[in-house]
PDB file of N, CA and C in Angstrom:
ATOM      1  N   MET A   1      35.651  35.884  65.912  1.00  0.00           N
ATOM      2  CA  MET A   1      34.643  36.191  64.934  1.00  0.00           C
ATOM      3  C   MET A   1      33.833  34.919  64.693  1.00  0.00           C
ATOM      4  N   TRP A   2      32.548  35.043  64.677  1.00  0.00           N
ATOM      5  CA  TRP A   2      31.670  33.891  64.454  1.00  0.00           C
ATOM      6  C   TRP A   2      30.923  34.065  63.149  1.00  0.00           C
ATOM      7  N   ALA A   3      30.714  32.969  62.467  1.00  0.00           N
ATOM      8  CA  ALA A   3      29.958  32.999  61.222  1.00  0.00           C
ATOM      9  C   ALA A   3      29.016  31.811  61.194  1.00  0.00           C
ATOM     10  N   LYS A   4      27.939  31.967  60.495  1.00  0.00           N
ATOM     11  CA  LYS A   4      26.967  30.894  60.370  1.00  0.00           C
ATOM     12  C   LYS A   4      26.981  30.407  58.931  1.00  0.00           C
ATOM     13  N   PRO A   5      27.223  29.131  58.718  1.00  0.00           N
ATOM     14  CA  PRO A   5      27.218  28.619  57.344  1.00  0.00           C
ATOM     15  C   PRO A   5      25.848  28.819  56.706  1.00  0.00           C
ATOM     16  N   THR A   6      25.867  29.076  55.425  1.00  0.00           N
ATOM     17  CA  THR A   6      24.599  29.242  54.721  1.00  0.00           C
ATOM     18  C   THR A   6      23.895  27.894  54.636  1.00  0.00           C
ATOM     19  N   GLY A   7      22.591  27.939  54.623  1.00  0.00           N
ATOM     20  CA  GLY A   7      21.810  26.719  54.500  1.00  0.00           C
ATOM     21  C   GLY A   7      21.415  26.112  55.830  1.00  0.00           C
ATOM     22  N   ARG A   8      21.850  26.661  56.945  1.00  0.00           N
ATOM     23  CA  ARG A   8      21.478  26.131  58.258  1.00  0.00           C
ATOM     24  C   ARG A   8      20.777  27.238  59.022  1.00  0.00           C
ATOM     25  N   ASP A   9      19.654  26.948  59.608  1.00  0.00           N
ATOM     26  CA  ASP A   9      18.905  27.967  60.328  1.00  0.00           C
ATOM     27  C   ASP A   9      18.976  27.832  61.838  1.00  0.00           C
ATOM     28  N   ASP A  10      19.698  26.822  62.328  1.00  0.00           N
ATOM     29  CA  ASP A  10      19.766  26.669  63.780  1.00  0.00           C
ATOM     30  C   ASP A  10      21.154  27.049  64.295  1.00  0.00           C
ATOM     31  N   THR A  11      21.274  27.186  65.591  1.00  0.00           N
ATOM     32  CA  THR A  11      22.537  27.629  66.177  1.00  0.00           C
ATOM     33  C   THR A  11      23.617  26.565  66.142  1.00  0.00           C
ATOM     34  N   ARG A  12      23.268  25.318  65.904  1.00  0.00           N
ATOM     35  CA  ARG A  12      24.291  24.270  65.813  1.00  0.00           C
ATOM     36  C   ARG A  12      25.187  24.472  64.609  1.00  0.00           C
ATOM     37  N   GLY A  13      24.781  25.283  63.662  1.00  0.00           N
ATOM     38  CA  GLY A  13      25.563  25.489  62.445  1.00  0.00           C
ATOM     39  C   GLY A  13      26.621  26.561  62.572  1.00  0.00           C
ATOM     40  N   HIS A  14      26.748  27.226  63.719  1.00  0.00           N
ATOM     41  CA  HIS A  14      27.752  28.274  63.867  1.00  0.00           C
ATOM     42  C   HIS A  14      29.134  27.666  63.982  1.00  0.00           C
ATOM     43  N   VAL A  15      30.088  28.297  63.322  1.00  0.00           N
ATOM     44  CA  VAL A  15      31.471  27.827  63.368  1.00  0.00           C
ATOM     45  C   VAL A  15      32.389  28.985  63.707  1.00  0.00           C
ATOM     46  N   ARG A  16      33.522  28.659  64.291  1.00  0.00           N
ATOM     47  CA  ARG A  16      34.524  29.661  64.637  1.00  0.00           C
ATOM     48  C   ARG A  16      35.408  29.906  63.423  1.00  0.00           C
ATOM     49  N   LEU A  17      35.622  31.180  63.071  1.00  0.00           N
ATOM     50  CA  LEU A  17      36.514  31.533  61.974  1.00  0.00           C
ATOM     51  C   LEU A  17      37.902  31.836  62.523  1.00  0.00           C
ATOM     52  N   ASP A  18      38.933  31.422  61.811  1.00  0.00           N
ATOM     53  CA  ASP A  18      40.315  31.714  62.175  1.00  0.00           C
ATOM     54  C   ASP A  18      40.632  33.128  61.707  1.00  0.00           C
ATOM     55  N   VAL A  19      41.133  33.967  62.606  1.00  0.00           N
ATOM     56  CA  VAL A  19      41.471  35.340  62.226  1.00  0.00           C
ATOM     57  C   VAL A  19      42.975  35.569  62.344  1.00  0.00           C
ATOM     58  N   SER A  20      43.753  34.501  62.210  1.00  0.00           N
ATOM     59  CA  SER A  20      45.202  34.633  62.239  1.00  0.00           C
ATOM     60  C   SER A  20      45.697  35.235  60.930  1.00  0.00           C
ATOM     61  N   GLY A  21      47.004  35.383  60.810  1.00  0.00           N
ATOM     62  CA  GLY A  21      47.600  35.976  59.618  1.00  0.00           C
ATOM     63  C   GLY A  21      47.256  35.230  58.350  1.00  0.00           C
ATOM     64  N   ARG A  22      47.116  33.936  58.417  1.00  0.00           N
ATOM     65  CA  ARG A  22      46.716  33.152  57.252  1.00  0.00           C
ATOM     66  C   ARG A  22      45.579  32.254  57.676  1.00  0.00           C
ATOM     67  N   CYS A  23      44.555  32.221  56.898  1.00  0.00           N
ATOM     68  CA  CYS A  23      43.389  31.408  57.212  1.00  0.00           C
ATOM     69  C   CYS A  23      43.090  30.539  56.002  1.00  0.00           C
ATOM     70  N   HIS A  24      43.279  29.255  56.152  1.00  0.00           N
ATOM     71  CA  HIS A  24      43.004  28.318  55.060  1.00  0.00           C
ATOM     72  C   HIS A  24      43.706  28.755  53.775  1.00  0.00           C
ATOM     73  N   HIS A  25      44.974  29.158  53.924  1.00  0.00           N
ATOM     74  CA  HIS A  25      45.832  29.542  52.805  1.00  0.00           C
ATOM     75  C   HIS A  25      45.407  30.832  52.117  1.00  0.00           C
ATOM     76  N   ARG A  26      44.603  31.627  52.783  1.00  0.00           N
ATOM     77  CA  ARG A  26      44.279  32.957  52.262  1.00  0.00           C
ATOM     78  C   ARG A  26      45.083  33.963  53.063  1.00  0.00           C
ATOM     79  N   SER A  27      45.711  34.927  52.391  1.00  0.00           N
ATOM     80  CA  SER A  27      46.528  35.918  53.080  1.00  0.00           C
ATOM     81  C   SER A  27      45.662  37.052  53.595  1.00  0.00           C
ATOM     82  N   MET A  28      46.171  37.717  54.649  1.00  0.00           N
ATOM     83  CA  MET A  28      45.508  38.911  55.166  1.00  0.00           C
ATOM     84  C   MET A  28      45.709  40.036  54.156  1.00  0.00           C
ATOM     85  N   SER A  29      44.853  41.036  54.195  1.00  0.00           N
ATOM     86  CA  SER A  29      45.004  42.178  53.313  1.00  0.00           C
ATOM     87  C   SER A  29      46.194  43.015  53.759  1.00  0.00           C
ATOM     88  N   VAL A  30      46.759  43.793  52.841  1.00  0.00           N
ATOM     89  CA  VAL A  30      47.939  44.602  53.145  1.00  0.00           C
ATOM     90  C   VAL A  30      47.705  45.549  54.321  1.00  0.00           C
ATOM     91  N   PRO A  31      46.598  46.299  54.377  1.00  0.00           N
ATOM     92  CA  PRO A  31      46.404  47.170  55.545  1.00  0.00           C
ATOM     93  C   PRO A  31      46.346  46.397  56.864  1.00  0.00           C
ATOM     94  N   THR A  32      45.798  45.204  56.846  1.00  0.00           N
ATOM     95  CA  THR A  32      45.719  44.398  58.057  1.00  0.00           C
ATOM     96  C   THR A  32      47.108  43.934  58.482  1.00  0.00           C
ATOM     97  N   VAL A  33      47.934  43.497  57.541  1.00  0.00           N
ATOM     98  CA  VAL A  33      49.299  43.077  57.837  1.00  0.00           C
ATOM     99  C   VAL A  33      50.090  44.253  58.389  1.00  0.00           C
ATOM    100  N   GLU A  34      49.988  45.406  57.724  1.00  0.00           N
ATOM    101  CA  GLU A  34      50.709  46.595  58.192  1.00  0.00           C
ATOM    102  C   GLU A  34      50.282  46.981  59.600  1.00  0.00           C
ATOM    103  N   ALA A  35      49.008  46.916  59.893  1.00  0.00           N
ATOM    104  CA  ALA A  35      48.515  47.255  61.230  1.00  0.00           C
ATOM    105  C   ALA A  35      49.058  46.273  62.272  1.00  0.00           C
ATOM    106  N   ALA A  36      49.086  44.991  61.944  1.00  0.00           N
ATOM    107  CA  ALA A  36      49.598  43.984  62.878  1.00  0.00           C
ATOM    108  C   ALA A  36      51.093  44.191  63.128  1.00  0.00           C
ATOM    109  N   ILE A  37      51.858  44.452  62.064  1.00  0.00           N
ATOM    110  CA  ILE A  37      53.292  44.702  62.213  1.00  0.00           C
ATOM    111  C   ILE A  37      53.517  45.945  63.075  1.00  0.00           C
ATOM    112  N   ASN A  38      52.814  47.025  62.741  1.00  0.00           N
ATOM    113  CA  ASN A  38      52.979  48.270  63.496  1.00  0.00           C
ATOM    114  C   ASN A  38      52.629  48.089  64.963  1.00  0.00           C
ATOM    115  N   GLU A  39      51.566  47.360  65.246  1.00  0.00           N
ATOM    116  CA  GLU A  39      51.162  47.167  66.630  1.00  0.00           C
ATOM    117  C   GLU A  39      52.226  46.387  67.411  1.00  0.00           C
ATOM    118  N   LEU A  40      52.709  45.299  66.837  1.00  0.00           N
ATOM    119  CA  LEU A  40      53.740  44.506  67.513  1.00  0.00           C
ATOM    120  C   LEU A  40      55.024  45.295  67.699  1.00  0.00           C
ATOM    121  N   MET A  41      55.487  45.926  66.634  1.00  0.00           N
ATOM    122  CA  MET A  41      56.758  46.644  66.682  1.00  0.00           C
ATOM    123  C   MET A  41      56.667  47.876  67.585  1.00  0.00           C
ATOM    124  N   ASP A  42      55.558  48.588  67.537  1.00  0.00           N
ATOM    125  CA  ASP A  42      55.394  49.767  68.395  1.00  0.00           C
ATOM    126  C   ASP A  42      55.302  49.374  69.859  1.00  0.00           C
ATOM    127  N   TRP A  43      54.609  48.274  70.142  1.00  0.00           N
ATOM    128  CA  TRP A  43      54.409  47.812  71.518  1.00  0.00           C
ATOM    129  C   TRP A  43      55.755  47.479  72.163  1.00  0.00           C
ATOM    130  N   ALA A  44      56.670  46.910  71.388  1.00  0.00           N
ATOM    131  CA  ALA A  44      57.948  46.446  71.932  1.00  0.00           C
ATOM    132  C   ALA A  44      59.130  47.177  71.291  1.00  0.00           C
ATOM    133  N   TRP A  45      58.928  48.434  70.941  1.00  0.00           N
ATOM    134  CA  TRP A  45      59.929  49.221  70.192  1.00  0.00           C
ATOM    135  C   TRP A  45      61.333  49.092  70.780  1.00  0.00           C
ATOM    136  N   HIS A  46      61.498  49.420  72.053  1.00  0.00           N
ATOM    137  CA  HIS A  46      62.830  49.429  72.664  1.00  0.00           C
ATOM    138  C   HIS A  46      63.431  48.033  72.740  1.00  0.00           C
ATOM    139  N   ALA A  47      62.621  47.047  73.059  1.00  0.00           N
ATOM    140  CA  ALA A  47      63.118  45.667  73.136  1.00  0.00           C
ATOM    141  C   ALA A  47      63.561  45.173  71.757  1.00  0.00           C
ATOM    142  N   VAL A  48      62.806  45.510  70.709  1.00  0.00           N
ATOM    143  CA  VAL A  48      63.175  45.111  69.346  1.00  0.00           C
ATOM    144  C   VAL A  48      64.465  45.813  68.939  1.00  0.00           C
ATOM    145  N   GLU A  49      64.550  47.100  69.220  1.00  0.00           N
ATOM    146  CA  GLU A  49      65.751  47.873  68.875  1.00  0.00           C
ATOM    147  C   GLU A  49      66.991  47.302  69.569  1.00  0.00           C
ATOM    148  N   GLU A  50      66.880  46.985  70.861  1.00  0.00           N
ATOM    149  CA  GLU A  50      67.999  46.408  71.605  1.00  0.00           C
ATOM    150  C   GLU A  50      68.375  45.029  71.066  1.00  0.00           C
ATOM    151  N   LEU A  51      67.378  44.229  70.734  1.00  0.00           N
ATOM    152  CA  LEU A  51      67.620  42.888  70.192  1.00  0.00           C
ATOM    153  C   LEU A  51      68.346  42.971  68.855  1.00  0.00           C
ATOM    154  N   LEU A  52      67.877  43.840  67.969  1.00  0.00           N
ATOM    155  CA  LEU A  52      68.533  44.017  66.673  1.00  0.00           C
ATOM    156  C   LEU A  52      69.960  44.527  66.841  1.00  0.00           C
ATOM    157  N   ALA A  53      70.165  45.460  67.761  1.00  0.00           N
ATOM    158  CA  ALA A  53      71.508  46.000  68.002  1.00  0.00           C
ATOM    159  C   ALA A  53      72.444  44.907  68.523  1.00  0.00           C
ATOM    160  N   ARG A  54      71.978  44.084  69.479  1.00  0.00           N
ATOM    161  CA  ARG A  54      72.809  42.993  70.026  1.00  0.00           C
ATOM    162  C   ARG A  54      73.215  41.996  68.949  1.00  0.00           C
ATOM    163  N   ARG A  55      72.348  41.801  67.967  1.00  0.00           N
ATOM    164  CA  ARG A  55      72.618  40.838  66.889  1.00  0.00           C
ATOM    165  C   ARG A  55      73.354  41.470  65.706  1.00  0.00           C
ATOM    166  N   GLY A  56      73.642  42.782  65.796  1.00  0.00           N
ATOM    167  CA  GLY A  56      74.327  43.478  64.707  1.00  0.00           C
ATOM    168  C   GLY A  56      73.441  43.692  63.496  1.00  0.00           C
ATOM    169  N   LEU A  57      72.133  43.777  63.703  1.00  0.00           N
ATOM    170  CA  LEU A  57      71.172  43.892  62.603  1.00  0.00           C
ATOM    171  C   LEU A  57      70.456  45.240  62.554  1.00  0.00           C
ATOM    172  N   LEU A  58      70.901  46.191  63.357  1.00  0.00           N
ATOM    173  CA  LEU A  58      70.169  47.457  63.452  1.00  0.00           C
ATOM    174  C   LEU A  58      70.424  48.373  62.267  1.00  0.00           C
ATOM    175  N   GLY A  59      71.592  48.310  61.668  1.00  0.00           N
ATOM    176  CA  GLY A  59      71.898  49.174  60.530  1.00  0.00           C
ATOM    177  C   GLY A  59      71.846  50.634  60.931  1.00  0.00           C
ATOM    178  N   ASP A  60      71.055  51.420  60.192  1.00  0.00           N
ATOM    179  CA  ASP A  60      70.944  52.858  60.450  1.00  0.00           C
ATOM    180  C   ASP A  60      69.848  53.194  61.438  1.00  0.00           C
ATOM    181  N   GLY A  61      69.339  52.211  62.147  1.00  0.00           N
ATOM    182  CA  GLY A  61      68.281  52.441  63.121  1.00  0.00           C
ATOM    183  C   GLY A  61      67.058  51.612  62.788  1.00  0.00           C
ATOM    184  N   LEU A  62      66.142  51.572  63.732  1.00  0.00           N
ATOM    185  CA  LEU A  62      64.923  50.788  63.559  1.00  0.00           C
ATOM    186  C   LEU A  62      63.888  51.617  62.812  1.00  0.00           C
ATOM    187  N   VAL A  63      63.552  51.165  61.616  1.00  0.00           N
ATOM    188  CA  VAL A  63      62.520  51.809  60.804  1.00  0.00           C
ATOM    189  C   VAL A  63      61.412  50.776  60.621  1.00  0.00           C
ATOM    190  N   VAL A  64      60.323  50.963  61.337  1.00  0.00           N
ATOM    191  CA  VAL A  64      59.233  49.989  61.317  1.00  0.00           C
ATOM    192  C   VAL A  64      58.710  49.768  59.902  1.00  0.00           C
ATOM    193  N   GLU A  65      58.698  50.805  59.090  1.00  0.00           N
ATOM    194  CA  GLU A  65      58.177  50.685  57.721  1.00  0.00           C
ATOM    195  C   GLU A  65      58.987  49.717  56.869  1.00  0.00           C
ATOM    196  N   ASP A  66      60.236  49.430  57.276  1.00  0.00           N
ATOM    197  CA  ASP A  66      61.056  48.466  56.535  1.00  0.00           C
ATOM    198  C   ASP A  66      60.583  47.032  56.756  1.00  0.00           C
ATOM    199  N   PHE A  67      59.840  46.812  57.824  1.00  0.00           N
ATOM    200  CA  PHE A  67      59.332  45.470  58.142  1.00  0.00           C
ATOM    201  C   PHE A  67      57.980  45.298  57.461  1.00  0.00           C
ATOM    202  N   THR A  68      57.970  44.470  56.426  1.00  0.00           N
ATOM    203  CA  THR A  68      56.777  44.355  55.592  1.00  0.00           C
ATOM    204  C   THR A  68      56.178  42.958  55.547  1.00  0.00           C
ATOM    205  N   GLY A  69      56.834  41.989  56.155  1.00  0.00           N
ATOM    206  CA  GLY A  69      56.338  40.617  56.113  1.00  0.00           C
ATOM    207  C   GLY A  69      55.967  40.116  57.495  1.00  0.00           C
ATOM    208  N   LEU A  70      54.972  39.248  57.544  1.00  0.00           N
ATOM    209  CA  LEU A  70      54.487  38.730  58.811  1.00  0.00           C
ATOM    210  C   LEU A  70      54.009  37.301  58.623  1.00  0.00           C
ATOM    211  N   THR A  71      54.437  36.426  59.528  1.00  0.00           N
ATOM    212  CA  THR A  71      53.924  35.064  59.604  1.00  0.00           C
ATOM    213  C   THR A  71      53.563  34.823  61.058  1.00  0.00           C
ATOM    214  N   SER A  72      52.378  34.304  61.299  1.00  0.00           N
ATOM    215  CA  SER A  72      51.931  34.112  62.670  1.00  0.00           C
ATOM    216  C   SER A  72      51.168  32.804  62.770  1.00  0.00           C
ATOM    217  N   TRP A  73      51.388  32.083  63.871  1.00  0.00           N
ATOM    218  CA  TRP A  73      50.702  30.817  64.075  1.00  0.00           C
ATOM    219  C   TRP A  73      50.553  30.568  65.564  1.00  0.00           C
ATOM    220  N   LEU A  74      49.643  29.683  65.880  1.00  0.00           N
ATOM    221  CA  LEU A  74      49.333  29.330  67.256  1.00  0.00           C
ATOM    222  C   LEU A  74      49.761  27.894  67.510  1.00  0.00           C
ATOM    223  N   GLU A  75      50.495  27.680  68.603  1.00  0.00           N
ATOM    224  CA  GLU A  75      50.841  26.335  69.072  1.00  0.00           C
ATOM    225  C   GLU A  75      50.376  26.239  70.508  1.00  0.00           C
ATOM    226  N   ASP A  76      49.450  25.342  70.752  1.00  0.00           N
ATOM    227  CA  ASP A  76      48.807  25.249  72.062  1.00  0.00           C
ATOM    228  C   ASP A  76      48.253  26.625  72.414  1.00  0.00           C
ATOM    229  N   ALA A  77      48.698  27.220  73.497  1.00  0.00           N
ATOM    230  CA  ALA A  77      48.180  28.537  73.890  1.00  0.00           C
ATOM    231  C   ALA A  77      49.179  29.655  73.599  1.00  0.00           C
ATOM    232  N   THR A  78      50.210  29.372  72.810  1.00  0.00           N
ATOM    233  CA  THR A  78      51.255  30.349  72.535  1.00  0.00           C
ATOM    234  C   THR A  78      51.162  30.841  71.102  1.00  0.00           C
ATOM    235  N   ARG A  79      51.197  32.159  70.921  1.00  0.00           N
ATOM    236  CA  ARG A  79      51.201  32.783  69.602  1.00  0.00           C
ATOM    237  C   ARG A  79      52.640  33.101  69.218  1.00  0.00           C
ATOM    238  N   TYR A  80      53.099  32.566  68.088  1.00  0.00           N
ATOM    239  CA  TYR A  80      54.412  32.868  67.526  1.00  0.00           C
ATOM    240  C   TYR A  80      54.203  33.762  66.315  1.00  0.00           C
ATOM    241  N   THR A  81      55.032  34.794  66.216  1.00  0.00           N
ATOM    242  CA  THR A  81      54.936  35.710  65.086  1.00  0.00           C
ATOM    243  C   THR A  81      56.336  36.072  64.628  1.00  0.00           C
ATOM    244  N   VAL A  82      56.585  35.964  63.337  1.00  0.00           N
ATOM    245  CA  VAL A  82      57.828  36.424  62.740  1.00  0.00           C
ATOM    246  C   VAL A  82      57.486  37.646  61.902  1.00  0.00           C
ATOM    247  N   VAL A  83      58.163  38.747  62.207  1.00  0.00           N
ATOM    248  CA  VAL A  83      58.032  39.982  61.442  1.00  0.00           C
ATOM    249  C   VAL A  83      59.383  40.187  60.768  1.00  0.00           C
ATOM    250  N   HIS A  84      59.372  40.469  59.442  1.00  0.00           N
ATOM    251  CA  HIS A  84      60.668  40.588  58.764  1.00  0.00           C
ATOM    252  C   HIS A  84      60.723  41.755  57.797  1.00  0.00           C
ATOM    253  N   SER A  85      61.962  42.203  57.609  1.00  0.00           N
ATOM    254  CA  SER A  85      62.294  43.176  56.573  1.00  0.00           C
ATOM    255  C   SER A  85      63.120  42.414  55.540  1.00  0.00           C
ATOM    256  N   ARG A  86      63.740  43.122  54.619  1.00  0.00           N
ATOM    257  CA  ARG A  86      64.611  42.452  53.656  1.00  0.00           C
ATOM    258  C   ARG A  86      65.913  41.985  54.291  1.00  0.00           C
ATOM    259  N   SER A  87      66.248  42.554  55.465  1.00  0.00           N
ATOM    260  CA  SER A  87      67.536  42.223  56.059  1.00  0.00           C
ATOM    261  C   SER A  87      67.446  41.504  57.404  1.00  0.00           C
ATOM    262  N   ALA A  88      66.327  41.603  58.105  1.00  0.00           N
ATOM    263  CA  ALA A  88      66.240  41.015  59.445  1.00  0.00           C
ATOM    264  C   ALA A  88      64.865  40.403  59.677  1.00  0.00           C
ATOM    265  N   ALA A  89      64.837  39.429  60.580  1.00  0.00           N
ATOM    266  CA  ALA A  89      63.577  38.813  61.004  1.00  0.00           C
ATOM    267  C   ALA A  89      63.573  38.761  62.524  1.00  0.00           C
ATOM    268  N   VAL A  90      62.425  39.083  63.115  1.00  0.00           N
ATOM    269  CA  VAL A  90      62.275  39.104  64.570  1.00  0.00           C
ATOM    270  C   VAL A  90      61.185  38.114  64.943  1.00  0.00           C
ATOM    271  N   LEU A  91      61.499  37.238  65.905  1.00  0.00           N
ATOM    272  CA  LEU A  91      60.510  36.294  66.411  1.00  0.00           C
ATOM    273  C   LEU A  91      59.905  36.849  67.687  1.00  0.00           C
ATOM    274  N   PHE A  92      58.583  36.902  67.717  1.00  0.00           N
ATOM    275  CA  PHE A  92      57.834  37.286  68.907  1.00  0.00           C
ATOM    276  C   PHE A  92      57.162  36.040  69.465  1.00  0.00           C
ATOM    277  N   VAL A  93      57.226  35.869  70.768  1.00  0.00           N
ATOM    278  CA  VAL A  93      56.447  34.837  71.438  1.00  0.00           C
ATOM    279  C   VAL A  93      55.391  35.593  72.214  1.00  0.00           C
ATOM    280  N   ASP A  94      54.149  35.351  71.836  1.00  0.00           N
ATOM    281  CA  ASP A  94      53.022  36.186  72.250  1.00  0.00           C
ATOM    282  C   ASP A  94      53.348  37.611  71.797  1.00  0.00           C
ATOM    283  N   THR A  95      53.592  38.554  72.665  1.00  0.00           N
ATOM    284  CA  THR A  95      53.905  39.911  72.198  1.00  0.00           C
ATOM    285  C   THR A  95      55.337  40.328  72.525  1.00  0.00           C
ATOM    286  N   GLN A  96      56.158  39.378  72.984  1.00  0.00           N
ATOM    287  CA  GLN A  96      57.537  39.682  73.381  1.00  0.00           C
ATOM    288  C   GLN A  96      58.529  39.263  72.301  1.00  0.00           C
ATOM    289  N   PRO A  97      59.390  40.189  71.854  1.00  0.00           N
ATOM    290  CA  PRO A  97      60.434  39.795  70.903  1.00  0.00           C
ATOM    291  C   PRO A  97      61.484  38.958  71.636  1.00  0.00           C
ATOM    292  N   VAL A  98      61.833  37.799  71.077  1.00  0.00           N
ATOM    293  CA  VAL A  98      62.766  36.899  71.764  1.00  0.00           C
ATOM    294  C   VAL A  98      64.060  36.652  71.002  1.00  0.00           C
ATOM    295  N   ASP A  99      64.067  36.847  69.691  1.00  0.00           N
ATOM    296  CA  ASP A  99      65.294  36.656  68.919  1.00  0.00           C
ATOM    297  C   ASP A  99      65.172  37.376  67.588  1.00  0.00           C
ATOM    298  N   ALA A 100      66.332  37.672  67.014  1.00  0.00           N
ATOM    299  CA  ALA A 100      66.398  38.290  65.691  1.00  0.00           C
ATOM    300  C   ALA A 100      67.522  37.619  64.916  1.00  0.00           C
ATOM    301  N   ILE A 101      67.319  37.451  63.624  1.00  0.00           N
ATOM    302  CA  ILE A 101      68.314  36.827  62.756  1.00  0.00           C
ATOM    303  C   ILE A 101      68.337  37.582  61.442  1.00  0.00           C
ATOM    304  N   PRO A 102      69.417  37.411  60.674  1.00  0.00           N
ATOM    305  CA  PRO A 102      69.382  37.951  59.314  1.00  0.00           C
ATOM    306  C   PRO A 102      68.280  37.239  58.530  1.00  0.00           C
ATOM    307  N   PHE A 103      67.518  37.988  57.770  1.00  0.00           N
ATOM    308  CA  PHE A 103      66.423  37.380  57.008  1.00  0.00           C
ATOM    309  C   PHE A 103      66.975  36.565  55.850  1.00  0.00           C
ATOM    310  N   HIS A 104      66.405  35.402  55.629  1.00  0.00           N
ATOM    311  CA  HIS A 104      66.653  34.630  54.412  1.00  0.00           C
ATOM    312  C   HIS A 104      65.360  33.939  54.009  1.00  0.00           C
ATOM    313  N   ARG A 105      65.228  33.699  52.741  1.00  0.00           N
ATOM    314  CA  ARG A 105      63.975  33.210  52.169  1.00  0.00           C
ATOM    315  C   ARG A 105      63.544  31.838  52.692  1.00  0.00           C
ATOM    316  N   ASP A 106      64.451  31.078  53.270  1.00  0.00           N
ATOM    317  CA  ASP A 106      64.085  29.765  53.811  1.00  0.00           C
ATOM    318  C   ASP A 106      63.023  29.879  54.901  1.00  0.00           C
ATOM    319  N   LEU A 107      62.947  31.051  55.536  1.00  0.00           N
ATOM    320  CA  LEU A 107      61.914  31.268  56.554  1.00  0.00           C
ATOM    321  C   LEU A 107      60.511  31.210  55.957  1.00  0.00           C
ATOM    322  N   LEU A 108      60.387  31.717  54.737  1.00  0.00           N
ATOM    323  CA  LEU A 108      59.074  31.783  54.097  1.00  0.00           C
ATOM    324  C   LEU A 108      58.593  30.380  53.742  1.00  0.00           C
ATOM    325  N   GLY A 109      57.491  30.006  54.275  1.00  0.00           N
ATOM    326  CA  GLY A 109      56.917  28.708  53.978  1.00  0.00           C
ATOM    327  C   GLY A 109      57.531  27.551  54.746  1.00  0.00           C
ATOM    328  N   ALA A 110      58.425  27.843  55.702  1.00  0.00           N
ATOM    329  CA  ALA A 110      59.029  26.769  56.493  1.00  0.00           C
ATOM    330  C   ALA A 110      57.962  26.095  57.355  1.00  0.00           C
ATOM    331  N   ASP A 111      58.104  24.791  57.560  1.00  0.00           N
ATOM    332  CA  ASP A 111      57.167  24.054  58.406  1.00  0.00           C
ATOM    333  C   ASP A 111      57.200  24.554  59.845  1.00  0.00           C
ATOM    334  N   ASP A 112      58.393  24.926  60.317  1.00  0.00           N
ATOM    335  CA  ASP A 112      58.549  25.409  61.697  1.00  0.00           C
ATOM    336  C   ASP A 112      59.491  26.609  61.695  1.00  0.00           C
ATOM    337  N   PRO A 113      58.978  27.795  61.363  1.00  0.00           N
ATOM    338  CA  PRO A 113      59.844  28.978  61.285  1.00  0.00           C
ATOM    339  C   PRO A 113      60.597  29.285  62.579  1.00  0.00           C
ATOM    340  N   LYS A 114      60.038  28.921  63.730  1.00  0.00           N
ATOM    341  CA  LYS A 114      60.724  29.229  64.990  1.00  0.00           C
ATOM    342  C   LYS A 114      62.013  28.436  65.141  1.00  0.00           C
ATOM    343  N   ALA A 115      62.191  27.370  64.366  1.00  0.00           N
ATOM    344  CA  ALA A 115      63.406  26.564  64.426  1.00  0.00           C
ATOM    345  C   ALA A 115      64.642  27.349  63.950  1.00  0.00           C
ATOM    346  N   PHE A 116      64.436  28.432  63.227  1.00  0.00           N
ATOM    347  CA  PHE A 116      65.536  29.263  62.759  1.00  0.00           C
ATOM    348  C   PHE A 116      66.072  30.166  63.874  1.00  0.00           C
ATOM    349  N   PHE A 117      65.313  30.314  64.942  1.00  0.00           N
ATOM    350  CA  PHE A 117      65.622  31.249  66.009  1.00  0.00           C
ATOM    351  C   PHE A 117      66.054  30.492  67.270  1.00  0.00           C
ATOM    352  N   THR A 118      66.667  31.240  68.182  1.00  0.00           N
ATOM    353  CA  THR A 118      66.997  30.707  69.506  1.00  0.00           C
ATOM    354  C   THR A 118      65.889  31.123  70.448  1.00  0.00           C
ATOM    355  N   LEU A 119      65.222  30.140  71.018  1.00  0.00           N
ATOM    356  CA  LEU A 119      64.128  30.417  71.960  1.00  0.00           C
ATOM    357  C   LEU A 119      64.667  30.415  73.384  1.00  0.00           C
ATOM    358  N   PRO A 120      64.114  31.286  74.231  1.00  0.00           N
ATOM    359  CA  PRO A 120      64.537  31.247  75.631  1.00  0.00           C
ATOM    360  C   PRO A 120      64.122  29.929  76.272  1.00  0.00           C
ATOM    361  N   ARG A 121      64.926  29.474  77.192  1.00  0.00           N
ATOM    362  CA  ARG A 121      64.596  28.233  77.906  1.00  0.00           C
ATOM    363  C   ARG A 121      63.476  28.507  78.865  1.00  0.00           C
ATOM    364  N   SER A 122      62.547  27.552  78.958  1.00  0.00           N
ATOM    365  CA  SER A 122      61.409  27.754  79.870  1.00  0.00           C
ATOM    366  C   SER A 122      61.538  26.954  81.124  1.00  0.00           C
TER     367      SER A 122
END
């Protein structure tokens, strides 16, 4: 998304806007967060379900609506996203779920949320 700052009439004034989950400490709207969670979880439904089951976090089954929180950030060319419910958190690298852990509040606002998870070796 591109925007032009007010007060400038030439093309040199155009700036790139960040459209990640948080932009300059402003949160995304609830419908936008829900859409992002649904898209990620639906895209990788079976992989997320298997990951949660392997970690003993599946409970009564995978209910996407239970996942209401999202944190997403970019490091170099890699997008990291944590989607969480009250009981579990799933780390996605780009669009692939790579680990799941029991949710705890320390994840919220952590400097490096991916440090809570086990990342695959590259």
